[in-house]
Amino acid sequence: GKSMELGVSEDMLSRVFDGLGHPIDGGPEILPDERRDINGLPMNPAAR
């Protein structure tokens, strides 16, 4: 019932992930602040 999402947080800095967003550097899983659809939303041209 959902498309692919990525859990995002500032803790992602200094980390290495595989192509699907899973940590591969031996560190712990990220505790996300929020989960976002990876397809994103187009930026409104007038807001650029």
PDB file of all heavy atoms in Angstrom:
ATOM      1  N   GLY A   1       0.789  -1.237   0.000  1.00  0.00           N
ATOM      2  CA  GLY A   1       0.000   0.000   0.000  1.00  0.00           C
ATOM      3  C   GLY A   1       0.819   1.284   0.000  1.00  0.00           C
ATOM      4  O   GLY A   1       0.318   2.353   0.312  1.00  0.00           O
ATOM      5  N   LYS A   2       2.100   1.174  -0.328  1.00  0.00           N
ATOM      6  CA  LYS A   2       2.938   2.386  -0.353  1.00  0.00           C
ATOM      7  C   LYS A   2       4.057   2.157  -1.361  1.00  0.00           C
ATOM      8  O   LYS A   2       4.404   1.010  -1.672  1.00  0.00           O
ATOM      9  CB  LYS A   2       3.538   2.664   1.029  1.00  0.00           C
ATOM     10  CG  LYS A   2       4.423   1.536   1.537  1.00  0.00           C
ATOM     11  CD  LYS A   2       5.014   1.812   2.901  1.00  0.00           C
ATOM     12  CE  LYS A   2       5.946   0.662   3.295  1.00  0.00           C
ATOM     13  NZ  LYS A   2       6.517   0.819   4.619  1.00  0.00           N
ATOM     14  N   SER A   3       4.615   3.249  -1.873  1.00  0.00           N
ATOM     15  CA  SER A   3       5.775   3.103  -2.762  1.00  0.00           C
ATOM     16  C   SER A   3       7.032   3.115  -1.889  1.00  0.00           C
ATOM     17  O   SER A   3       6.949   3.240  -0.670  1.00  0.00           O
ATOM     18  CB  SER A   3       5.800   4.225  -3.804  1.00  0.00           C
ATOM     19  OG  SER A   3       5.756   5.472  -3.165  1.00  0.00           O
ATOM     20  N   MET A   4       8.186   3.002  -2.524  1.00  0.00           N
ATOM     21  CA  MET A   4       9.418   2.882  -1.741  1.00  0.00           C
ATOM     22  C   MET A   4       9.713   4.162  -0.966  1.00  0.00           C
ATOM     23  O   MET A   4       9.568   5.264  -1.492  1.00  0.00           O
ATOM     24  CB  MET A   4      10.583   2.548  -2.664  1.00  0.00           C
ATOM     25  CG  MET A   4      11.851   2.242  -1.898  1.00  0.00           C
ATOM     26  SD  MET A   4      13.119   1.570  -2.946  1.00  0.00           S
ATOM     27  CE  MET A   4      12.591  -0.102  -3.044  1.00  0.00           C
ATOM     28  N   GLU A   5      10.105   4.002   0.290  1.00  0.00           N
ATOM     29  CA  GLU A   5      10.370   5.154   1.156  1.00  0.00           C
ATOM     30  C   GLU A   5      11.773   5.056   1.745  1.00  0.00           C
ATOM     31  O   GLU A   5      12.356   3.982   1.827  1.00  0.00           O
ATOM     32  CB  GLU A   5       9.350   5.206   2.301  1.00  0.00           C
ATOM     33  CG  GLU A   5       7.928   5.462   1.835  1.00  0.00           C
ATOM     34  CD  GLU A   5       6.923   5.399   2.989  1.00  0.00           C
ATOM     35  OE1 GLU A   5       7.165   4.698   3.984  1.00  0.00           O
ATOM     36  OE2 GLU A   5       5.890   6.063   2.859  1.00  0.00           O
ATOM     37  N   LEU A   6      12.284   6.208   2.157  1.00  0.00           N
ATOM     38  CA  LEU A   6      13.579   6.259   2.843  1.00  0.00           C
ATOM     39  C   LEU A   6      13.376   6.958   4.180  1.00  0.00           C
ATOM     40  O   LEU A   6      12.779   8.035   4.235  1.00  0.00           O
ATOM     41  CB  LEU A   6      14.592   7.039   1.994  1.00  0.00           C
ATOM     42  CG  LEU A   6      15.971   7.271   2.630  1.00  0.00           C
ATOM     43  CD1 LEU A   6      16.730   5.952   2.779  1.00  0.00           C
ATOM     44  CD2 LEU A   6      16.802   8.248   1.806  1.00  0.00           C
ATOM     45  N   GLY A   7      13.847   6.327   5.239  1.00  0.00           N
ATOM     46  CA  GLY A   7      13.814   6.973   6.550  1.00  0.00           C
ATOM     47  C   GLY A   7      14.957   7.974   6.635  1.00  0.00           C
ATOM     48  O   GLY A   7      16.125   7.605   6.479  1.00  0.00           O
ATOM     49  N   VAL A   8      14.629   9.256   6.858  1.00  0.00           N
ATOM     50  CA  VAL A   8      15.660  10.300   6.825  1.00  0.00           C
ATOM     51  C   VAL A   8      15.886  10.903   8.212  1.00  0.00           C
ATOM     52  O   VAL A   8      14.969  10.989   9.027  1.00  0.00           O
ATOM     53  CB  VAL A   8      15.302  11.426   5.830  1.00  0.00           C
ATOM     54  CG1 VAL A   8      15.418  10.936   4.405  1.00  0.00           C
ATOM     55  CG2 VAL A   8      13.905  11.969   6.091  1.00  0.00           C
ATOM     56  N   SER A   9      17.137  11.292   8.448  1.00  0.00           N
ATOM     57  CA  SER A   9      17.511  11.892   9.730  1.00  0.00           C
ATOM     58  C   SER A   9      18.884  12.524   9.540  1.00  0.00           C
ATOM     59  O   SER A   9      19.635  12.150   8.628  1.00  0.00           O
ATOM     60  CB  SER A   9      17.564  10.798  10.799  1.00  0.00           C
ATOM     61  OG  SER A   9      18.476  11.135  11.810  1.00  0.00           O
ATOM     62  N   GLU A  10      19.230  13.474  10.407  1.00  0.00           N
ATOM     63  CA  GLU A  10      20.568  14.075  10.323  1.00  0.00           C
ATOM     64  C   GLU A  10      21.657  13.055  10.652  1.00  0.00           C
ATOM     65  O   GLU A  10      22.827  13.242  10.309  1.00  0.00           O
ATOM     66  CB  GLU A  10      20.658  15.274  11.287  1.00  0.00           C
ATOM     67  CG  GLU A  10      20.775  16.582  10.539  1.00  0.00           C
ATOM     68  CD  GLU A  10      20.912  17.782  11.457  1.00  0.00           C
ATOM     69  OE1 GLU A  10      19.991  18.043  12.242  1.00  0.00           O
ATOM     70  OE2 GLU A  10      21.955  18.440  11.365  1.00  0.00           O
ATOM     71  N   ASP A  11      21.274  11.952  11.300  1.00  0.00           N
ATOM     72  CA  ASP A  11      22.244  10.902  11.635  1.00  0.00           C
ATOM     73  C   ASP A  11      22.784  10.200  10.392  1.00  0.00           C
ATOM     74  O   ASP A  11      23.715   9.393  10.488  1.00  0.00           O
ATOM     75  CB  ASP A  11      21.601   9.848  12.558  1.00  0.00           C
ATOM     76  CG  ASP A  11      21.195  10.447  13.892  1.00  0.00           C
ATOM     77  OD1 ASP A  11      21.771  11.489  14.258  1.00  0.00           O
ATOM     78  OD2 ASP A  11      20.311   9.899  14.563  1.00  0.00           O
ATOM     79  N   MET A  12      22.187  10.481   9.219  1.00  0.00           N
ATOM     80  CA  MET A  12      22.680   9.849   7.984  1.00  0.00           C
ATOM     81  C   MET A  12      24.064  10.363   7.609  1.00  0.00           C
ATOM     82  O   MET A  12      24.806   9.690   6.899  1.00  0.00           O
ATOM     83  CB  MET A  12      21.720  10.146   6.823  1.00  0.00           C
ATOM     84  CG  MET A  12      20.336   9.591   7.024  1.00  0.00           C
ATOM     85  SD  MET A  12      19.260  10.010   5.645  1.00  0.00           S
ATOM     86  CE  MET A  12      19.612   8.656   4.549  1.00  0.00           C
ATOM     87  N   LEU A  13      24.415  11.567   8.062  1.00  0.00           N
ATOM     88  CA  LEU A  13      25.742  12.111   7.750  1.00  0.00           C
ATOM     89  C   LEU A  13      26.826  11.197   8.309  1.00  0.00           C
ATOM     90  O   LEU A  13      26.699  10.687   9.424  1.00  0.00           O
ATOM     91  CB  LEU A  13      25.885  13.522   8.334  1.00  0.00           C
ATOM     92  CG  LEU A  13      25.056  14.596   7.622  1.00  0.00           C
ATOM     93  CD1 LEU A  13      24.986  15.861   8.453  1.00  0.00           C
ATOM     94  CD2 LEU A  13      25.633  14.900   6.242  1.00  0.00           C
ATOM     95  N   SER A  14      27.862  10.997   7.536  1.00  0.00           N
ATOM     96  CA  SER A  14      29.023  10.142   7.862  1.00  0.00           C
ATOM     97  C   SER A  14      28.707   8.653   7.749  1.00  0.00           C
ATOM     98  O   SER A  14      29.481   7.829   8.185  1.00  0.00           O
ATOM     99  CB  SER A  14      29.603  10.442   9.255  1.00  0.00           C
ATOM    100  OG  SER A  14      28.857   9.805  10.267  1.00  0.00           O
ATOM    101  N   ARG A  15      27.574   8.308   7.108  1.00  0.00           N
ATOM    102  CA  ARG A  15      27.214   6.897   6.977  1.00  0.00           C
ATOM    103  C   ARG A  15      27.272   6.437   5.514  1.00  0.00           C
ATOM    104  O   ARG A  15      27.176   7.235   4.583  1.00  0.00           O
ATOM    105  CB  ARG A  15      25.788   6.671   7.516  1.00  0.00           C
ATOM    106  CG  ARG A  15      25.604   6.999   8.996  1.00  0.00           C
ATOM    107  CD  ARG A  15      26.423   6.083   9.907  1.00  0.00           C
ATOM    108  NE  ARG A  15      26.116   4.677   9.703  1.00  0.00           N
ATOM    109  CZ  ARG A  15      25.098   4.037  10.299  1.00  0.00           C
ATOM    110  NH1 ARG A  15      24.301   4.681  11.141  1.00  0.00           N
ATOM    111  NH2 ARG A  15      24.887   2.760  10.080  1.00  0.00           N
ATOM    112  N   VAL A  16      27.420   5.110   5.336  1.00  0.00           N
ATOM    113  CA  VAL A  16      27.456   4.501   3.995  1.00  0.00           C
ATOM    114  C   VAL A  16      26.277   3.529   3.884  1.00  0.00           C
ATOM    115  O   VAL A  16      26.087   2.677   4.755  1.00  0.00           O
ATOM    116  CB  VAL A  16      28.784   3.738   3.759  1.00  0.00           C
ATOM    117  CG1 VAL A  16      28.848   3.216   2.331  1.00  0.00           C
ATOM    118  CG2 VAL A  16      29.984   4.632   4.049  1.00  0.00           C
ATOM    119  N   PHE A  17      25.489   3.684   2.799  1.00  0.00           N
ATOM    120  CA  PHE A  17      24.303   2.849   2.592  1.00  0.00           C
ATOM    121  C   PHE A  17      24.421   2.105   1.266  1.00  0.00           C
ATOM    122  O   PHE A  17      25.175   2.510   0.371  1.00  0.00           O
ATOM    123  CB  PHE A  17      23.038   3.725   2.547  1.00  0.00           C
ATOM    124  CG  PHE A  17      22.817   4.531   3.789  1.00  0.00           C
ATOM    125  CD1 PHE A  17      23.358   5.803   3.913  1.00  0.00           C
ATOM    126  CD2 PHE A  17      22.079   4.018   4.843  1.00  0.00           C
ATOM    127  CE1 PHE A  17      23.166   6.554   5.065  1.00  0.00           C
ATOM    128  CE2 PHE A  17      21.872   4.761   5.999  1.00  0.00           C
ATOM    129  CZ  PHE A  17      22.420   6.025   6.115  1.00  0.00           C
ATOM    130  N   ASP A  18      23.636   1.026   1.130  1.00  0.00           N
ATOM    131  CA  ASP A  18      23.558   0.387  -0.194  1.00  0.00           C
ATOM    132  C   ASP A  18      22.564   1.169  -1.043  1.00  0.00           C
ATOM    133  O   ASP A  18      22.019   2.195  -0.615  1.00  0.00           O
ATOM    134  CB  ASP A  18      23.190  -1.100  -0.072  1.00  0.00           C
ATOM    135  CG  ASP A  18      21.763  -1.328   0.449  1.00  0.00           C
ATOM    136  OD1 ASP A  18      20.995  -0.352   0.567  1.00  0.00           O
ATOM    137  OD2 ASP A  18      21.424  -2.494   0.732  1.00  0.00           O
ATOM    138  N   GLY A  19      22.289   0.663  -2.249  1.00  0.00           N
ATOM    139  CA  GLY A  19      21.443   1.403  -3.177  1.00  0.00           C
ATOM    140  C   GLY A  19      19.996   1.527  -2.736  1.00  0.00           C
ATOM    141  O   GLY A  19      19.234   2.309  -3.299  1.00  0.00           O
ATOM    142  N   LEU A  20      19.591   0.751  -1.726  1.00  0.00           N
ATOM    143  CA  LEU A  20      18.207   0.823  -1.243  1.00  0.00           C
ATOM    144  C   LEU A  20      18.117   1.449   0.147  1.00  0.00           C
ATOM    145  O   LEU A  20      17.091   1.338   0.824  1.00  0.00           O
ATOM    146  CB  LEU A  20      17.574  -0.575  -1.230  1.00  0.00           C
ATOM    147  CG  LEU A  20      17.353  -1.193  -2.617  1.00  0.00           C
ATOM    148  CD1 LEU A  20      16.833  -2.610  -2.505  1.00  0.00           C
ATOM    149  CD2 LEU A  20      16.407  -0.345  -3.448  1.00  0.00           C
ATOM    150  N   GLY A  21      19.216   2.073   0.585  1.00  0.00           N
ATOM    151  CA  GLY A  21      19.154   2.827   1.833  1.00  0.00           C
ATOM    152  C   GLY A  21      19.396   2.018   3.095  1.00  0.00           C
ATOM    153  O   GLY A  21      19.083   2.472   4.194  1.00  0.00           O
ATOM    154  N   HIS A  22      19.992   0.814   2.963  1.00  0.00           N
ATOM    155  CA  HIS A  22      20.330   0.030   4.161  1.00  0.00           C
ATOM    156  C   HIS A  22      21.795   0.262   4.508  1.00  0.00           C
ATOM    157  O   HIS A  22      22.653   0.225   3.629  1.00  0.00           O
ATOM    158  CB  HIS A  22      20.097  -1.471   3.918  1.00  0.00           C
ATOM    159  CG  HIS A  22      18.707  -1.792   3.488  1.00  0.00           C
ATOM    160  ND1 HIS A  22      18.419  -2.440   2.303  1.00  0.00           N
ATOM    161  CD2 HIS A  22      17.517  -1.507   4.068  1.00  0.00           C
ATOM    162  CE1 HIS A  22      17.110  -2.561   2.179  1.00  0.00           C
ATOM    163  NE2 HIS A  22      16.545  -1.993   3.229  1.00  0.00           N
ATOM    164  N   PRO A  23      22.123   0.485   5.798  1.00  0.00           N
ATOM    165  CA  PRO A  23      23.533   0.745   6.165  1.00  0.00           C
ATOM    166  C   PRO A  23      24.428  -0.448   5.820  1.00  0.00           C
ATOM    167  O   PRO A  23      24.051  -1.594   6.054  1.00  0.00           O
ATOM    168  CB  PRO A  23      23.466   0.941   7.687  1.00  0.00           C
ATOM    169  CG  PRO A  23      22.034   1.234   7.996  1.00  0.00           C
ATOM    170  CD  PRO A  23      21.226   0.540   6.962  1.00  0.00           C
ATOM    171  N   ILE A  24      25.598  -0.155   5.238  1.00  0.00           N
ATOM    172  CA  ILE A  24      26.548  -1.237   4.920  1.00  0.00           C
ATOM    173  C   ILE A  24      27.918  -0.942   5.526  1.00  0.00           C
ATOM    174  O   ILE A  24      28.918  -1.513   5.139  1.00  0.00           O
ATOM    175  CB  ILE A  24      26.693  -1.453   3.392  1.00  0.00           C
ATOM    176  CG1 ILE A  24      27.028  -0.137   2.673  1.00  0.00           C
ATOM    177  CG2 ILE A  24      25.463  -2.086   2.802  1.00  0.00           C
ATOM    178  CD1 ILE A  24      27.407  -0.299   1.220  1.00  0.00           C
ATOM    179  N   ASP A  25      27.949  -0.004   6.509  1.00  0.00           N
ATOM    180  CA  ASP A  25      29.237   0.370   7.102  1.00  0.00           C
ATOM    181  C   ASP A  25      29.436  -0.267   8.477  1.00  0.00           C
ATOM    182  O   ASP A  25      30.353   0.099   9.214  1.00  0.00           O
ATOM    183  CB  ASP A  25      29.354   1.895   7.202  1.00  0.00           C
ATOM    184  CG  ASP A  25      28.172   2.513   7.957  1.00  0.00           C
ATOM    185  OD1 ASP A  25      27.310   1.753   8.449  1.00  0.00           O
ATOM    186  OD2 ASP A  25      28.102   3.754   8.050  1.00  0.00           O
ATOM    187  N   GLY A  26      28.562  -1.223   8.814  1.00  0.00           N
ATOM    188  CA  GLY A  26      28.706  -1.885  10.117  1.00  0.00           C
ATOM    189  C   GLY A  26      28.067  -1.123  11.261  1.00  0.00           C
ATOM    190  O   GLY A  26      28.067  -1.587  12.401  1.00  0.00           O
ATOM    191  N   GLY A  27      27.533   0.061  10.982  1.00  0.00           N
ATOM    192  CA  GLY A  27      26.896   0.862  12.031  1.00  0.00           C
ATOM    193  C   GLY A  27      25.439   0.456  12.232  1.00  0.00           C
ATOM    194  O   GLY A  27      24.898  -0.385  11.506  1.00  0.00           O
ATOM    195  N   PRO A  28      24.780   1.064  13.218  1.00  0.00           N
ATOM    196  CA  PRO A  28      23.383   0.701  13.507  1.00  0.00           C
ATOM    197  C   PRO A  28      22.424   1.247  12.451  1.00  0.00           C
ATOM    198  O   PRO A  28      22.773   2.118  11.662  1.00  0.00           O
ATOM    199  CB  PRO A  28      23.130   1.388  14.863  1.00  0.00           C
ATOM    200  CG  PRO A  28      24.070   2.550  14.879  1.00  0.00           C
ATOM    201  CD  PRO A  28      25.287   2.112  14.122  1.00  0.00           C
ATOM    202  N   GLU A  29      21.207   0.712  12.446  1.00  0.00           N
ATOM    203  CA  GLU A  29      20.151   1.254  11.588  1.00  0.00           C
ATOM    204  C   GLU A  29      19.875   2.706  11.982  1.00  0.00           C
ATOM    205  O   GLU A  29      20.033   3.080  13.135  1.00  0.00           O
ATOM    206  CB  GLU A  29      18.866   0.432  11.759  1.00  0.00           C
ATOM    207  CG  GLU A  29      18.906  -0.957  11.125  1.00  0.00           C
ATOM    208  CD  GLU A  29      18.781  -0.915   9.603  1.00  0.00           C
ATOM    209  OE1 GLU A  29      18.216   0.057   9.070  1.00  0.00           O
ATOM    210  OE2 GLU A  29      19.274  -1.862   8.961  1.00  0.00           O
ATOM    211  N   ILE A  30      19.444   3.504  11.020  1.00  0.00           N
ATOM    212  CA  ILE A  30      19.083   4.900  11.291  1.00  0.00           C
ATOM    213  C   ILE A  30      17.708   4.948  11.949  1.00  0.00           C
ATOM    214  O   ILE A  30      16.784   4.251  11.524  1.00  0.00           O
ATOM    215  CB  ILE A  30      19.042   5.700   9.962  1.00  0.00           C
ATOM    216  CG1 ILE A  30      20.431   5.746   9.313  1.00  0.00           C
ATOM    217  CG2 ILE A  30      18.502   7.103  10.166  1.00  0.00           C
ATOM    218  CD1 ILE A  30      21.440   6.584  10.038  1.00  0.00           C
ATOM    219  N   LEU A  31      17.568   5.748  13.016  1.00  0.00           N
ATOM    220  CA  LEU A  31      16.242   5.997  13.590  1.00  0.00           C
ATOM    221  C   LEU A  31      15.680   7.231  12.887  1.00  0.00           C
ATOM    222  O   LEU A  31      16.122   8.354  13.139  1.00  0.00           O
ATOM    223  CB  LEU A  31      16.344   6.251  15.099  1.00  0.00           C
ATOM    224  CG  LEU A  31      16.814   5.036  15.920  1.00  0.00           C
ATOM    225  CD1 LEU A  31      17.064   5.435  17.357  1.00  0.00           C
ATOM    226  CD2 LEU A  31      15.794   3.915  15.845  1.00  0.00           C
ATOM    227  N   PRO A  32      14.714   7.047  11.960  1.00  0.00           N
ATOM    228  CA  PRO A  32      14.321   8.177  11.114  1.00  0.00           C
ATOM    229  C   PRO A  32      13.473   9.213  11.835  1.00  0.00           C
ATOM    230  O   PRO A  32      12.664   8.882  12.701  1.00  0.00           O
ATOM    231  CB  PRO A  32      13.521   7.501   9.993  1.00  0.00           C
ATOM    232  CG  PRO A  32      13.048   6.212  10.556  1.00  0.00           C
ATOM    233  CD  PRO A  32      14.029   5.798  11.610  1.00  0.00           C
ATOM    234  N   ASP A  33      13.685  10.490  11.470  1.00  0.00           N
ATOM    235  CA  ASP A  33      12.793  11.565  11.920  1.00  0.00           C
ATOM    236  C   ASP A  33      11.480  11.475  11.167  1.00  0.00           C
ATOM    237  O   ASP A  33      10.426  11.820  11.670  1.00  0.00           O
ATOM    238  CB  ASP A  33      13.430  12.939  11.655  1.00  0.00           C
ATOM    239  CG  ASP A  33      14.620  13.183  12.568  1.00  0.00           C
ATOM    240  OD1 ASP A  33      14.770  12.428  13.546  1.00  0.00           O
ATOM    241  OD2 ASP A  33      15.409  14.111  12.292  1.00  0.00           O
ATOM    242  N   GLU A  34      11.580  11.065   9.888  1.00  0.00           N
ATOM    243  CA  GLU A  34      10.367  10.867   9.089  1.00  0.00           C
ATOM    244  C   GLU A  34      10.701   9.916   7.945  1.00  0.00           C
ATOM    245  O   GLU A  34      11.865   9.659   7.656  1.00  0.00           O
ATOM    246  CB  GLU A  34       9.858  12.207   8.530  1.00  0.00           C
ATOM    247  CG  GLU A  34      10.866  12.971   7.703  1.00  0.00           C
ATOM    248  CD  GLU A  34      10.298  14.271   7.144  1.00  0.00           C
ATOM    249  OE1 GLU A  34       9.504  14.195   6.180  1.00  0.00           O
ATOM    250  OE2 GLU A  34      10.647  15.339   7.670  1.00  0.00           O
ATOM    251  N   ARG A  35       9.653   9.391   7.320  1.00  0.00           N
ATOM    252  CA  ARG A  35       9.850   8.526   6.147  1.00  0.00           C
ATOM    253  C   ARG A  35       9.331   9.269   4.926  1.00  0.00           C
ATOM    254  O   ARG A  35       8.236   9.817   4.951  1.00  0.00           O
ATOM    255  CB  ARG A  35       9.129   7.188   6.314  1.00  0.00           C
ATOM    256  CG  ARG A  35       9.605   6.402   7.529  1.00  0.00           C
ATOM    257  CD  ARG A  35       9.147   4.962   7.479  1.00  0.00           C
ATOM    258  NE  ARG A  35       9.844   4.196   6.454  1.00  0.00           N
ATOM    259  CZ  ARG A  35      11.062   3.677   6.586  1.00  0.00           C
ATOM    260  NH1 ARG A  35      11.732   3.841   7.714  1.00  0.00           N
ATOM    261  NH2 ARG A  35      11.620   3.003   5.613  1.00  0.00           N
ATOM    262  N   ARG A  36      10.131   9.278   3.852  1.00  0.00           N
ATOM    263  CA  ARG A  36       9.753  10.047   2.658  1.00  0.00           C
ATOM    264  C   ARG A  36       9.700   9.152   1.426  1.00  0.00           C
ATOM    265  O   ARG A  36      10.566   8.295   1.240  1.00  0.00           O
ATOM    266  CB  ARG A  36      10.776  11.157   2.398  1.00  0.00           C
ATOM    267  CG  ARG A  36      10.755  12.250   3.443  1.00  0.00           C
ATOM    268  CD  ARG A  36      11.591  13.417   2.992  1.00  0.00           C
ATOM    269  NE  ARG A  36      11.290  14.592   3.806  1.00  0.00           N
ATOM    270  CZ  ARG A  36      11.574  15.828   3.439  1.00  0.00           C
ATOM    271  NH1 ARG A  36      12.142  16.060   2.277  1.00  0.00           N
ATOM    272  NH2 ARG A  36      11.273  16.840   4.220  1.00  0.00           N
ATOM    273  N   ASP A  37       8.713   9.398   0.584  1.00  0.00           N
ATOM    274  CA  ASP A  37       8.619   8.721  -0.705  1.00  0.00           C
ATOM    275  C   ASP A  37       9.848   9.120  -1.530  1.00  0.00           C
ATOM    276  O   ASP A  37      10.142  10.307  -1.676  1.00  0.00           O
ATOM    277  CB  ASP A  37       7.335   9.185  -1.400  1.00  0.00           C
ATOM    278  CG  ASP A  37       7.089   8.461  -2.727  1.00  0.00           C
ATOM    279  OD1 ASP A  37       8.066   7.987  -3.332  1.00  0.00           O
ATOM    280  OD2 ASP A  37       5.929   8.388  -3.151  1.00  0.00           O
ATOM    281  N   ILE A  38      10.547   8.125  -2.080  1.00  0.00           N
ATOM    282  CA  ILE A  38      11.812   8.453  -2.765  1.00  0.00           C
ATOM    283  C   ILE A  38      11.586   9.158  -4.102  1.00  0.00           C
ATOM    284  O   ILE A  38      12.521   9.694  -4.683  1.00  0.00           O
ATOM    285  CB  ILE A  38      12.710   7.215  -2.980  1.00  0.00           C
ATOM    286  CG1 ILE A  38      12.045   6.206  -3.926  1.00  0.00           C
ATOM    287  CG2 ILE A  38      13.092   6.567  -1.671  1.00  0.00           C
ATOM    288  CD1 ILE A  38      13.003   5.171  -4.456  1.00  0.00           C
ATOM    289  N   ASN A  39      10.351   9.145  -4.617  1.00  0.00           N
ATOM    290  CA  ASN A  39      10.100   9.822  -5.894  1.00  0.00           C
ATOM    291  C   ASN A  39       9.999  11.328  -5.730  1.00  0.00           C
ATOM    292  O   ASN A  39      10.038  12.072  -6.706  1.00  0.00           O
ATOM    293  CB  ASN A  39       8.827   9.273  -6.551  1.00  0.00           C
ATOM    294  CG  ASN A  39       9.009   7.809  -6.918  1.00  0.00           C
ATOM    295  OD1 ASN A  39       9.926   7.462  -7.643  1.00  0.00           O
ATOM    296  ND2 ASN A  39       8.174   6.947  -6.366  1.00  0.00           N
ATOM    297  N   GLY A  40       9.861  11.788  -4.467  1.00  0.00           N
ATOM    298  CA  GLY A  40       9.870  13.225  -4.194  1.00  0.00           C
ATOM    299  C   GLY A  40       8.689  13.947  -4.821  1.00  0.00           C
ATOM    300  O   GLY A  40       7.819  13.353  -5.455  1.00  0.00           O
ATOM    301  N   LEU A  41       8.666  15.242  -4.630  1.00  0.00           N
ATOM    302  CA  LEU A  41       7.635  16.090  -5.220  1.00  0.00           C
ATOM    303  C   LEU A  41       8.319  17.110  -6.115  1.00  0.00           C
ATOM    304  O   LEU A  41       9.355  17.649  -5.746  1.00  0.00           O
ATOM    305  CB  LEU A  41       6.851  16.827  -4.120  1.00  0.00           C
ATOM    306  CG  LEU A  41       5.944  15.949  -3.259  1.00  0.00           C
ATOM    307  CD1 LEU A  41       5.445  16.733  -2.062  1.00  0.00           C
ATOM    308  CD2 LEU A  41       4.775  15.429  -4.082  1.00  0.00           C
ATOM    309  N   PRO A  42       7.767  17.378  -7.298  1.00  0.00           N
ATOM    310  CA  PRO A  42       8.416  18.374  -8.158  1.00  0.00           C
ATOM    311  C   PRO A  42       8.427  19.745  -7.487  1.00  0.00           C
ATOM    312  O   PRO A  42       7.507  20.095  -6.764  1.00  0.00           O
ATOM    313  CB  PRO A  42       7.549  18.390  -9.426  1.00  0.00           C
ATOM    314  CG  PRO A  42       6.404  17.491  -9.176  1.00  0.00           C
ATOM    315  CD  PRO A  42       6.553  16.829  -7.863  1.00  0.00           C
ATOM    316  N   MET A  43       9.523  20.485  -7.709  1.00  0.00           N
ATOM    317  CA  MET A  43       9.626  21.820  -7.121  1.00  0.00           C
ATOM    318  C   MET A  43       8.811  22.789  -7.980  1.00  0.00           C
ATOM    319  O   MET A  43       8.955  22.809  -9.197  1.00  0.00           O
ATOM    320  CB  MET A  43      11.105  22.237  -7.110  1.00  0.00           C
ATOM    321  CG  MET A  43      11.444  23.217  -6.012  1.00  0.00           C
ATOM    322  SD  MET A  43      13.167  23.800  -6.141  1.00  0.00           S
ATOM    323  CE  MET A  43      14.096  22.384  -5.653  1.00  0.00           C
ATOM    324  N   ASN A  44       7.966  23.573  -7.352  1.00  0.00           N
ATOM    325  CA  ASN A  44       7.174  24.564  -8.077  1.00  0.00           C
ATOM    326  C   ASN A  44       8.123  25.569  -8.737  1.00  0.00           C
ATOM    327  O   ASN A  44       8.925  26.211  -8.057  1.00  0.00           O
ATOM    328  CB  ASN A  44       6.255  25.281  -7.078  1.00  0.00           C
ATOM    329  CG  ASN A  44       5.337  26.280  -7.748  1.00  0.00           C
ATOM    330  OD1 ASN A  44       5.612  26.731  -8.857  1.00  0.00           O
ATOM    331  ND2 ASN A  44       4.270  26.638  -7.084  1.00  0.00           N
ATOM    332  N   PRO A  45       8.055  25.730 -10.066  1.00  0.00           N
ATOM    333  CA  PRO A  45       8.989  26.661 -10.732  1.00  0.00           C
ATOM    334  C   PRO A  45       8.924  28.077 -10.156  1.00  0.00           C
ATOM    335  O   PRO A  45       9.940  28.770 -10.079  1.00  0.00           O
ATOM    336  CB  PRO A  45       8.524  26.644 -12.194  1.00  0.00           C
ATOM    337  CG  PRO A  45       7.783  25.361 -12.354  1.00  0.00           C
ATOM    338  CD  PRO A  45       7.168  25.046 -11.031  1.00  0.00           C
ATOM    339  N   ALA A  46       7.729  28.495  -9.725  1.00  0.00           N
ATOM    340  CA  ALA A  46       7.596  29.849  -9.181  1.00  0.00           C
ATOM    341  C   ALA A  46       8.265  29.994  -7.820  1.00  0.00           C
ATOM    342  O   ALA A  46       8.566  31.101  -7.379  1.00  0.00           O
ATOM    343  CB  ALA A  46       6.111  30.215  -9.063  1.00  0.00           C
ATOM    344  N   ALA A  47       8.520  28.846  -7.149  1.00  0.00           N
ATOM    345  CA  ALA A  47       9.144  28.903  -5.825  1.00  0.00           C
ATOM    346  C   ALA A  47      10.672  28.804  -5.911  1.00  0.00           C
ATOM    347  O   ALA A  47      11.358  28.871  -4.901  1.00  0.00           O
ATOM    348  CB  ALA A  47       8.609  27.769  -4.951  1.00  0.00           C
ATOM    349  N   ARG A  48      11.187  28.636  -7.134  1.00  0.00           N
ATOM    350  CA  ARG A  48      12.643  28.494  -7.284  1.00  0.00           C
ATOM    351  C   ARG A  48      13.329  29.849  -7.132  1.00  0.00           C
ATOM    352  O   ARG A  48      12.866  30.846  -7.664  1.00  0.00           O
ATOM    353  CB  ARG A  48      12.992  27.923  -8.666  1.00  0.00           C
ATOM    354  CG  ARG A  48      12.755  26.438  -8.788  1.00  0.00           C
ATOM    355  CD  ARG A  48      13.196  25.958 -10.162  1.00  0.00           C
ATOM    356  NE  ARG A  48      13.009  24.538 -10.323  1.00  0.00           N
ATOM    357  CZ  ARG A  48      13.910  23.618 -10.003  1.00  0.00           C
ATOM    358  NH1 ARG A  48      15.066  23.987  -9.504  1.00  0.00           N
ATOM    359  NH2 ARG A  48      13.668  22.339 -10.172  1.00  0.00           N
TER     360      ARG A  48
END
